[in-house]
């Protein structure tokens, strides 16, 4: 059994959506290594996160995420 969860061999982007927004997530190879590409079509914004940034997100307190969600991007 693998230490890491398997995606079942599915290729292509993952779309996560609800009534408020939709986000497209995909794994991309860059000159500097593998990144997670997170794109918000409604906002037209995109971020590429490497393993260190994703690891940092994984140990944040839920209150930080709540604070980030309360901000109004673009103002």
PDB file of N, CA and C in Angstrom:
ATOM      1  N   UNK A   1       0.842  -1.192   0.000  1.00  0.00           N
ATOM      2  CA  UNK A   1       0.000   0.000   0.000  1.00  0.00           C
ATOM      3  C   UNK A   1       0.877   1.242   0.000  1.00  0.00           C
ATOM      4  N   UNK A   2       0.553   2.207  -0.816  1.00  0.00           N
ATOM      5  CA  UNK A   2       1.309   3.448  -0.930  1.00  0.00           C
ATOM      6  C   UNK A   2       1.108   4.327   0.292  1.00  0.00           C
ATOM      7  N   UNK A   3       2.162   5.074   0.654  1.00  0.00           N
ATOM      8  CA  UNK A   3       2.077   6.010   1.768  1.00  0.00           C
ATOM      9  C   UNK A   3       1.193   7.204   1.410  1.00  0.00           C
ATOM     10  N   UNK A   4       1.103   7.529   0.132  1.00  0.00           N
ATOM     11  CA  UNK A   4       0.352   8.691  -0.330  1.00  0.00           C
ATOM     12  C   UNK A   4      -0.963   8.252  -0.962  1.00  0.00           C
ATOM     13  N   UNK A   5      -2.016   9.031  -0.772  1.00  0.00           N
ATOM     14  CA  UNK A   5      -3.289   8.690  -1.429  1.00  0.00           C
ATOM     15  C   UNK A   5      -3.135   8.721  -2.945  1.00  0.00           C
ATOM     16  N   UNK A   6      -3.847   7.865  -3.613  1.00  0.00           N
ATOM     17  CA  UNK A   6      -3.817   7.813  -5.072  1.00  0.00           C
ATOM     18  C   UNK A   6      -5.044   8.515  -5.637  1.00  0.00           C
ATOM     19  N   UNK A   7      -4.856   9.168  -6.776  1.00  0.00           N
ATOM     20  CA  UNK A   7      -5.992   9.828  -7.420  1.00  0.00           C
ATOM     21  C   UNK A   7      -6.709   8.886  -8.378  1.00  0.00           C
ATOM     22  N   UNK A   8      -6.331   7.626  -8.371  1.00  0.00           N
ATOM     23  CA  UNK A   8      -6.986   6.657  -9.242  1.00  0.00           C
ATOM     24  C   UNK A   8      -6.528   6.738 -10.675  1.00  0.00           C
ATOM     25  N   UNK A   9      -5.462   7.505 -10.933  1.00  0.00           N
ATOM     26  CA  UNK A   9      -4.933   7.618 -12.280  1.00  0.00           C
ATOM     27  C   UNK A   9      -5.653   8.630 -13.153  1.00  0.00           C
ATOM     28  N   UNK A  10      -6.485   9.477 -12.573  1.00  0.00           N
ATOM     29  CA  UNK A  10      -7.203  10.489 -13.350  1.00  0.00           C
ATOM     30  C   UNK A  10      -6.268  11.631 -13.712  1.00  0.00           C
ATOM     31  N   UNK A  11      -6.300  12.001 -14.982  1.00  0.00           N
ATOM     32  CA  UNK A  11      -5.523  13.143 -15.439  1.00  0.00           C
ATOM     33  C   UNK A  11      -6.454  14.331 -15.624  1.00  0.00           C
ATOM     34  N   UNK A  12      -5.852  15.501 -15.709  1.00  0.00           N
ATOM     35  CA  UNK A  12      -6.641  16.683 -15.989  1.00  0.00           C
ATOM     36  C   UNK A  12      -6.976  17.472 -14.739  1.00  0.00           C
ATOM     37  N   UNK A  13      -7.633  18.598 -14.923  1.00  0.00           N
ATOM     38  CA  UNK A  13      -7.926  19.479 -13.797  1.00  0.00           C
ATOM     39  C   UNK A  13      -9.044  18.932 -12.914  1.00  0.00           C
ATOM     40  N   UNK A  14      -9.056  19.415 -11.688  1.00  0.00           N
ATOM     41  CA  UNK A  14     -10.124  19.147 -10.732  1.00  0.00           C
ATOM     42  C   UNK A  14     -10.883  20.455 -10.572  1.00  0.00           C
ATOM     43  N   UNK A  15     -12.198  20.417 -10.714  1.00  0.00           N
ATOM     44  CA  UNK A  15     -13.027  21.600 -10.532  1.00  0.00           C
ATOM     45  C   UNK A  15     -13.784  21.428  -9.223  1.00  0.00           C
ATOM     46  N   UNK A  16     -13.626  22.418  -8.339  1.00  0.00           N
ATOM     47  CA  UNK A  16     -14.328  22.435  -7.065  1.00  0.00           C
ATOM     48  C   UNK A  16     -15.216  23.669  -7.080  1.00  0.00           C
ATOM     49  N   UNK A  17     -16.522  23.478  -6.864  1.00  0.00           N
ATOM     50  CA  UNK A  17     -17.453  24.599  -7.000  1.00  0.00           C
ATOM     51  C   UNK A  17     -18.578  24.488  -5.986  1.00  0.00           C
ATOM     52  N   UNK A  18     -19.135  25.642  -5.676  1.00  0.00           N
ATOM     53  CA  UNK A  18     -20.378  25.723  -4.913  1.00  0.00           C
ATOM     54  C   UNK A  18     -21.146  26.930  -5.429  1.00  0.00           C
ATOM     55  N   UNK A  19     -22.169  27.373  -4.697  1.00  0.00           N
ATOM     56  CA  UNK A  19     -22.984  28.482  -5.185  1.00  0.00           C
ATOM     57  C   UNK A  19     -22.259  29.819  -5.176  1.00  0.00           C
ATOM     58  N   UNK A  20     -21.109  29.906  -4.503  1.00  0.00           N
ATOM     59  CA  UNK A  20     -20.386  31.171  -4.381  1.00  0.00           C
ATOM     60  C   UNK A  20     -19.240  31.318  -5.371  1.00  0.00           C
ATOM     61  N   UNK A  21     -18.598  30.230  -5.719  1.00  0.00           N
ATOM     62  CA  UNK A  21     -17.422  30.324  -6.588  1.00  0.00           C
ATOM     63  C   UNK A  21     -17.075  28.964  -7.174  1.00  0.00           C
ATOM     64  N   UNK A  22     -16.139  28.966  -8.090  1.00  0.00           N
ATOM     65  CA  UNK A  22     -15.576  27.733  -8.611  1.00  0.00           C
ATOM     66  C   UNK A  22     -14.078  27.922  -8.753  1.00  0.00           C
ATOM     67  N   UNK A  23     -13.347  26.838  -8.557  1.00  0.00           N
ATOM     68  CA  UNK A  23     -11.888  26.867  -8.609  1.00  0.00           C
ATOM     69  C   UNK A  23     -11.418  25.658  -9.412  1.00  0.00           C
ATOM     70  N   UNK A  24     -10.412  25.884 -10.240  1.00  0.00           N
ATOM     71  CA  UNK A  24      -9.818  24.814 -11.037  1.00  0.00           C
ATOM     72  C   UNK A  24      -8.420  24.555 -10.484  1.00  0.00           C
ATOM     73  N   UNK A  25      -8.143  23.297 -10.152  1.00  0.00           N
ATOM     74  CA  UNK A  25      -6.860  22.914  -9.559  1.00  0.00           C
ATOM     75  C   UNK A  25      -6.206  21.880 -10.463  1.00  0.00           C
ATOM     76  N   UNK A  26      -4.917  22.087 -10.726  1.00  0.00           N
ATOM     77  CA  UNK A  26      -4.183  21.087 -11.509  1.00  0.00           C
ATOM     78  C   UNK A  26      -2.719  21.110 -11.135  1.00  0.00           C
ATOM     79  N   UNK A  27      -2.065  20.006 -11.369  1.00  0.00           N
ATOM     80  CA  UNK A  27      -0.637  19.865 -11.108  1.00  0.00           C
ATOM     81  C   UNK A  27       0.106  20.239 -12.385  1.00  0.00           C
ATOM     82  N   UNK A  28       1.112  21.133 -12.263  1.00  0.00           N
ATOM     83  CA  UNK A  28       1.867  21.561 -13.435  1.00  0.00           C
ATOM     84  C   UNK A  28       3.368  21.459 -13.159  1.00  0.00           C
ATOM     85  N   UNK A  29       4.108  21.192 -14.197  1.00  0.00           N
ATOM     86  CA  UNK A  29       5.570  21.167 -14.120  1.00  0.00           C
ATOM     87  C   UNK A  29       6.086  22.527 -14.575  1.00  0.00           C
ATOM     88  N   UNK A  30       6.936  23.168 -13.768  1.00  0.00           N
ATOM     89  CA  UNK A  30       7.536  24.450 -14.127  1.00  0.00           C
ATOM     90  C   UNK A  30       9.052  24.280 -14.210  1.00  0.00           C
ATOM     91  N   UNK A  31       9.735  25.338 -14.599  1.00  0.00           N
ATOM     92  CA  UNK A  31      11.213  25.295 -14.616  1.00  0.00           C
ATOM     93  C   UNK A  31      11.773  25.004 -13.241  1.00  0.00           C
ATOM     94  N   UNK A  32      11.021  25.404 -12.213  1.00  0.00           N
ATOM     95  CA  UNK A  32      11.483  25.235 -10.834  1.00  0.00           C
ATOM     96  C   UNK A  32      10.853  24.045 -10.128  1.00  0.00           C
ATOM     97  N   UNK A  33      10.261  23.136 -10.880  1.00  0.00           N
ATOM     98  CA  UNK A  33       9.688  21.933 -10.293  1.00  0.00           C
ATOM     99  C   UNK A  33       8.171  21.924 -10.322  1.00  0.00           C
ATOM    100  N   UNK A  34       7.604  20.925  -9.670  1.00  0.00           N
ATOM    101  CA  UNK A  34       6.160  20.716  -9.663  1.00  0.00           C
ATOM    102  C   UNK A  34       5.463  21.776  -8.816  1.00  0.00           C
ATOM    103  N   UNK A  35       4.313  22.245  -9.304  1.00  0.00           N
ATOM    104  CA  UNK A  35       3.509  23.239  -8.595  1.00  0.00           C
ATOM    105  C   UNK A  35       2.040  22.835  -8.666  1.00  0.00           C
ATOM    106  N   UNK A  36       1.269  23.319  -7.710  1.00  0.00           N
ATOM    107  CA  UNK A  36      -0.177  23.207  -7.769  1.00  0.00           C
ATOM    108  C   UNK A  36      -0.694  24.528  -8.309  1.00  0.00           C
ATOM    109  N   UNK A  37      -1.379  24.475  -9.447  1.00  0.00           N
ATOM    110  CA  UNK A  37      -1.938  25.661 -10.098  1.00  0.00           C
ATOM    111  C   UNK A  37      -3.389  25.778  -9.650  1.00  0.00           C
ATOM    112  N   UNK A  38      -3.716  26.860  -8.949  1.00  0.00           N
ATOM    113  CA  UNK A  38      -5.069  27.104  -8.466  1.00  0.00           C
ATOM    114  C   UNK A  38      -5.591  28.347  -9.180  1.00  0.00           C
ATOM    115  N   UNK A  39      -6.678  28.176  -9.937  1.00  0.00           N
ATOM    116  CA  UNK A  39      -7.223  29.245 -10.775  1.00  0.00           C
ATOM    117  C   UNK A  39      -8.677  29.494 -10.425  1.00  0.00           C
ATOM    118  N   UNK A  40      -9.025  30.756 -10.254  1.00  0.00           N
ATOM    119  CA  UNK A  40     -10.401  31.157 -10.003  1.00  0.00           C
ATOM    120  C   UNK A  40     -10.935  31.846 -11.264  1.00  0.00           C
ATOM    121  N   UNK A  41     -11.708  31.137 -12.082  1.00  0.00           N
ATOM    122  CA  UNK A  41     -12.206  31.734 -13.327  1.00  0.00           C
ATOM    123  C   UNK A  41     -13.059  32.981 -13.097  1.00  0.00           C
ATOM    124  N   UNK A  42     -13.885  33.001 -12.070  1.00  0.00           N
ATOM    125  CA  UNK A  42     -14.754  34.158 -11.820  1.00  0.00           C
ATOM    126  C   UNK A  42     -13.952  35.404 -11.475  1.00  0.00           C
ATOM    127  N   UNK A  43     -12.890  35.250 -10.710  1.00  0.00           N
ATOM    128  CA  UNK A  43     -12.046  36.390 -10.336  1.00  0.00           C
ATOM    129  C   UNK A  43     -10.947  36.652 -11.357  1.00  0.00           C
ATOM    130  N   UNK A  44     -10.602  35.635 -12.121  1.00  0.00           N
ATOM    131  CA  UNK A  44      -9.500  35.770 -13.058  1.00  0.00           C
ATOM    132  C   UNK A  44      -8.150  35.744 -12.367  1.00  0.00           C
ATOM    133  N   UNK A  45      -8.104  35.167 -11.171  1.00  0.00           N
ATOM    134  CA  UNK A  45      -6.837  35.116 -10.433  1.00  0.00           C
ATOM    135  C   UNK A  45      -6.284  33.696 -10.408  1.00  0.00           C
ATOM    136  N   UNK A  46      -4.966  33.619 -10.244  1.00  0.00           N
ATOM    137  CA  UNK A  46      -4.279  32.334 -10.283  1.00  0.00           C
ATOM    138  C   UNK A  46      -3.084  32.388  -9.348  1.00  0.00           C
ATOM    139  N   UNK A  47      -2.775  31.249  -8.731  1.00  0.00           N
ATOM    140  CA  UNK A  47      -1.576  31.143  -7.907  1.00  0.00           C
ATOM    141  C   UNK A  47      -0.952  29.773  -8.152  1.00  0.00           C
ATOM    142  N   UNK A  48       0.373  29.749  -8.192  1.00  0.00           N
ATOM    143  CA  UNK A  48       1.125  28.498  -8.285  1.00  0.00           C
ATOM    144  C   UNK A  48       1.803  28.276  -6.941  1.00  0.00           C
ATOM    145  N   UNK A  49       1.532  27.144  -6.307  1.00  0.00           N
ATOM    146  CA  UNK A  49       2.104  26.852  -4.997  1.00  0.00           C
ATOM    147  C   UNK A  49       2.998  25.624  -5.078  1.00  0.00           C
ATOM    148  N   UNK A  50       4.199  25.726  -4.479  1.00  0.00           N
ATOM    149  CA  UNK A  50       5.094  24.581  -4.449  1.00  0.00           C
ATOM    150  C   UNK A  50       4.829  23.764  -3.181  1.00  0.00           C
ATOM    151  N   UNK A  51       5.571  22.689  -3.012  1.00  0.00           N
ATOM    152  CA  UNK A  51       5.363  21.784  -1.882  1.00  0.00           C
ATOM    153  C   UNK A  51       5.573  22.489  -0.539  1.00  0.00           C
ATOM    154  N   UNK A  52       6.541  23.393  -0.464  1.00  0.00           N
ATOM    155  CA  UNK A  52       6.796  24.106   0.799  1.00  0.00           C
ATOM    156  C   UNK A  52       5.598  24.978   1.163  1.00  0.00           C
ATOM    157  N   UNK A  53       5.047  25.704   0.194  1.00  0.00           N
ATOM    158  CA  UNK A  53       3.880  26.558   0.464  1.00  0.00           C
ATOM    159  C   UNK A  53       2.676  25.722   0.871  1.00  0.00           C
ATOM    160  N   UNK A  54       2.464  24.592   0.207  1.00  0.00           N
ATOM    161  CA  UNK A  54       1.337  23.725   0.555  1.00  0.00           C
ATOM    162  C   UNK A  54       1.520  23.111   1.934  1.00  0.00           C
ATOM    163  N   UNK A  55       2.742  22.725   2.261  1.00  0.00           N
ATOM    164  CA  UNK A  55       3.020  22.189   3.587  1.00  0.00           C
ATOM    165  C   UNK A  55       2.719  23.240   4.647  1.00  0.00           C
ATOM    166  N   UNK A  56       3.121  24.476   4.398  1.00  0.00           N
ATOM    167  CA  UNK A  56       2.866  25.580   5.326  1.00  0.00           C
ATOM    168  C   UNK A  56       1.361  25.761   5.538  1.00  0.00           C
ATOM    169  N   UNK A  57       0.581  25.677   4.481  1.00  0.00           N
ATOM    170  CA  UNK A  57      -0.874  25.795   4.608  1.00  0.00           C
ATOM    171  C   UNK A  57      -1.454  24.683   5.467  1.00  0.00           C
ATOM    172  N   UNK A  58      -0.859  23.504   5.380  1.00  0.00           N
ATOM    173  CA  UNK A  58      -1.419  22.337   6.062  1.00  0.00           C
ATOM    174  C   UNK A  58      -1.342  22.421   7.581  1.00  0.00           C
ATOM    175  N   UNK A  59      -0.460  23.252   8.127  1.00  0.00           N
ATOM    176  CA  UNK A  59      -0.374  23.324   9.588  1.00  0.00           C
ATOM    177  C   UNK A  59      -0.873  24.650  10.159  1.00  0.00           C
ATOM    178  N   UNK A  60      -1.599  25.411   9.357  1.00  0.00           N
ATOM    179  CA  UNK A  60      -2.175  26.665   9.846  1.00  0.00           C
ATOM    180  C   UNK A  60      -3.413  26.394  10.688  1.00  0.00           C
ATOM    181  N   UNK A  61      -3.644  27.268  11.635  1.00  0.00           N
ATOM    182  CA  UNK A  61      -4.841  27.182  12.466  1.00  0.00           C
ATOM    183  C   UNK A  61      -6.060  27.584  11.632  1.00  0.00           C
ATOM    184  N   UNK A  62      -7.204  26.973  11.878  1.00  0.00           N
ATOM    185  CA  UNK A  62      -8.418  27.325  11.126  1.00  0.00           C
ATOM    186  C   UNK A  62      -8.758  28.811  11.219  1.00  0.00           C
ATOM    187  N   UNK A  63      -8.391  29.468  12.303  1.00  0.00           N
ATOM    188  CA  UNK A  63      -8.671  30.897  12.455  1.00  0.00           C
ATOM    189  C   UNK A  63      -7.960  31.734  11.392  1.00  0.00           C
ATOM    190  N   UNK A  64      -6.761  31.327  10.983  1.00  0.00           N
ATOM    191  CA  UNK A  64      -6.055  32.055   9.927  1.00  0.00           C
ATOM    192  C   UNK A  64      -6.821  31.958   8.613  1.00  0.00           C
ATOM    193  N   UNK A  65      -7.312  30.781   8.302  1.00  0.00           N
ATOM    194  CA  UNK A  65      -8.081  30.598   7.069  1.00  0.00           C
ATOM    195  C   UNK A  65      -9.351  31.448   7.133  1.00  0.00           C
ATOM    196  N   UNK A  66     -10.007  31.481   8.279  1.00  0.00           N
ATOM    197  CA  UNK A  66     -11.203  32.319   8.455  1.00  0.00           C
ATOM    198  C   UNK A  66     -10.860  33.785   8.229  1.00  0.00           C
ATOM    199  N   UNK A  67      -9.717  34.232   8.750  1.00  0.00           N
ATOM    200  CA  UNK A  67      -9.285  35.619   8.557  1.00  0.00           C
ATOM    201  C   UNK A  67      -9.031  35.907   7.071  1.00  0.00           C
ATOM    202  N   UNK A  68      -8.389  34.991   6.384  1.00  0.00           N
ATOM    203  CA  UNK A  68      -8.136  35.169   4.954  1.00  0.00           C
ATOM    204  C   UNK A  68      -9.448  35.264   4.175  1.00  0.00           C
ATOM    205  N   UNK A  69     -10.426  34.456   4.558  1.00  0.00           N
ATOM    206  CA  UNK A  69     -11.714  34.470   3.868  1.00  0.00           C
ATOM    207  C   UNK A  69     -12.484  35.753   4.109  1.00  0.00           C
ATOM    208  N   UNK A  70     -12.206  36.429   5.219  1.00  0.00           N
ATOM    209  CA  UNK A  70     -12.928  37.668   5.533  1.00  0.00           C
ATOM    210  C   UNK A  70     -12.387  38.879   4.769  1.00  0.00           C
ATOM    211  N   UNK A  71     -11.210  38.741   4.171  1.00  0.00           N
ATOM    212  CA  UNK A  71     -10.624  39.840   3.392  1.00  0.00           C
ATOM    213  C   UNK A  71     -11.341  39.957   2.059  1.00  0.00           C
ATOM    214  N   UNK A  72     -11.322  41.179   1.513  1.00  0.00           N
ATOM    215  CA  UNK A  72     -11.928  41.421   0.211  1.00  0.00           C
ATOM    216  C   UNK A  72     -10.804  41.599  -0.812  1.00  0.00           C
ATOM    217  N   UNK A  73     -10.448  40.533  -1.548  1.00  0.00           N
ATOM    218  CA  UNK A  73      -9.339  40.639  -2.505  1.00  0.00           C
ATOM    219  C   UNK A  73      -9.575  41.723  -3.547  1.00  0.00           C
ATOM    220  N   UNK A  74      -8.491  42.384  -3.909  1.00  0.00           N
ATOM    221  CA  UNK A  74      -8.562  43.385  -4.959  1.00  0.00           C
ATOM    222  C   UNK A  74      -8.889  44.786  -4.488  1.00  0.00           C
ATOM    223  N   UNK A  75      -8.991  44.980  -3.181  1.00  0.00           N
ATOM    224  CA  UNK A  75      -9.276  46.329  -2.675  1.00  0.00           C
ATOM    225  C   UNK A  75      -8.169  46.808  -1.775  1.00  0.00           C
TER     226      UNK A  75
END
